[in-house]
Amino acid sequence: MLEQPITPEKTELIRLHAATCFSMTQFINGHHCPKLAHLIVHQLSHLVAYPDLEQVSASREMYLQLLEHWQKVTAFLLEQQNARETPSKYH
């Protein structure tokens, strides 16, 4: 079986996938920050839109599911953050 050469596009896809996995690992290991969650959403959006993924529908579907999940996580964290920052008004 012949191995295909790694193109610059493939290298970029691998780098983006690895960076996304690293970000998710940071979050899972306790860095529950809305900015990190937003970064994960941003990275996953790039992965979903990556041209080569259209040929690999299983990968694209996985990234879409992850994107949906992380969008919910981000929204939840922002909601929590806003609730903490909103001062109570007493009359």
Protein backbone atom coordinates (compact mmCIF):
# COMPACT_ATOMS: atom_id res chain seq x y z
CA MET A 1 0.00 0.00 0.00
CA LEU A 2 1.45 3.34 -1.07
CA GLU A 3 1.28 6.27 1.28
CA GLN A 4 0.10 9.54 -0.15
CA PRO A 5 2.40 12.52 0.35
CA ILE A 6 1.36 15.00 3.00
CA THR A 7 0.37 18.20 1.24
CA PRO A 8 0.39 21.67 2.85
CA GLU A 9 -3.43 21.48 2.96
CA LYS A 10 -3.31 18.12 4.75
CA THR A 11 -0.71 19.52 7.16
CA GLU A 12 -3.02 22.46 7.93
CA LEU A 13 -5.95 20.11 8.55
CA ILE A 14 -3.83 17.96 10.89
CA ARG A 15 -2.61 21.05 12.75
CA LEU A 16 -6.13 22.41 13.14
CA HIS A 17 -7.44 19.05 14.36
CA ALA A 18 -4.60 18.75 16.89
CA ALA A 19 -5.11 22.32 18.15
CA THR A 20 -8.82 21.66 18.59
CA CYS A 21 -8.16 18.45 20.50
CA PHE A 22 -5.66 20.28 22.72
CA SER A 23 -8.17 23.06 23.45
CA MET A 24 -10.90 20.54 24.33
CA THR A 25 -8.45 18.71 26.61
CA GLN A 26 -7.62 21.96 28.41
CA PHE A 27 -11.31 22.60 28.95
CA ILE A 28 -11.99 19.06 30.16
CA ASN A 29 -9.06 19.32 32.58
CA GLY A 30 -10.73 22.19 34.41
CA HIS A 31 -10.14 25.37 32.41
CA HIS A 32 -13.87 26.13 32.06
CA CYS A 33 -13.53 29.53 30.47
CA PRO A 34 -16.02 31.02 27.98
CA LYS A 35 -13.13 32.31 25.86
CA LEU A 36 -11.67 28.81 25.56
CA ALA A 37 -15.08 27.38 24.70
CA HIS A 38 -15.49 30.09 22.05
CA LEU A 39 -12.04 29.23 20.65
CA ILE A 40 -13.11 25.59 20.38
CA VAL A 41 -16.27 26.64 18.50
CA HIS A 42 -14.14 28.78 16.19
CA GLN A 43 -11.71 25.92 15.50
CA LEU A 44 -14.53 23.44 14.90
CA SER A 45 -16.19 25.89 12.51
CA HIS A 46 -12.98 25.93 10.47
CA LEU A 47 -12.82 22.14 10.51
CA VAL A 48 -16.43 21.81 9.34
CA ALA A 49 -15.79 24.27 6.52
CA TYR A 50 -12.52 22.63 5.46
CA PRO A 51 -12.78 21.76 1.74
CA ASP A 52 -11.18 18.30 1.95
CA LEU A 53 -13.72 17.16 4.53
CA GLU A 54 -16.51 17.15 1.98
CA GLN A 55 -14.99 13.91 0.67
CA VAL A 56 -15.02 12.36 4.15
CA SER A 57 -18.61 12.74 5.30
CA ALA A 58 -18.09 10.79 8.56
CA SER A 59 -15.44 13.28 9.71
CA ARG A 60 -17.59 16.23 8.72
CA GLU A 61 -20.57 14.79 10.60
CA MET A 62 -18.43 14.26 13.71
CA TYR A 63 -17.19 17.85 13.59
CA LEU A 64 -20.76 19.12 13.12
CA GLN A 65 -21.90 17.22 16.21
CA LEU A 66 -18.96 18.56 18.21
CA LEU A 67 -19.65 22.08 16.95
CA GLU A 68 -23.27 21.89 18.09
CA HIS A 69 -22.21 20.61 21.51
CA TRP A 70 -19.56 23.29 22.03
CA GLN A 71 -21.92 26.04 20.91
CA LYS A 72 -24.26 24.95 23.72
CA VAL A 73 -21.37 24.81 26.21
CA THR A 74 -20.27 28.31 25.20
CA ALA A 75 -23.80 29.71 25.51
CA PHE A 76 -24.19 28.12 28.95
CA LEU A 77 -20.87 29.54 30.20
CA LEU A 78 -21.68 33.01 28.90
CA GLU A 79 -25.09 32.82 30.59
CA GLN A 80 -23.44 31.87 33.89
CA GLN A 81 -20.87 34.63 33.52
CA ASN A 82 -23.54 37.24 32.81
CA ALA A 83 -25.56 36.08 35.82
CA ARG A 84 -22.51 36.52 38.07
CA GLU A 85 -21.67 39.95 36.66
CA THR A 86 -25.19 41.40 36.85
CA PRO A 87 -25.38 43.29 40.14
CA SER A 88 -28.53 43.00 42.16
CA LYS A 89 -30.59 46.18 42.37
CA TYR A 90 -32.44 46.82 45.55
CA HIS A 91 -35.15 49.44 45.78
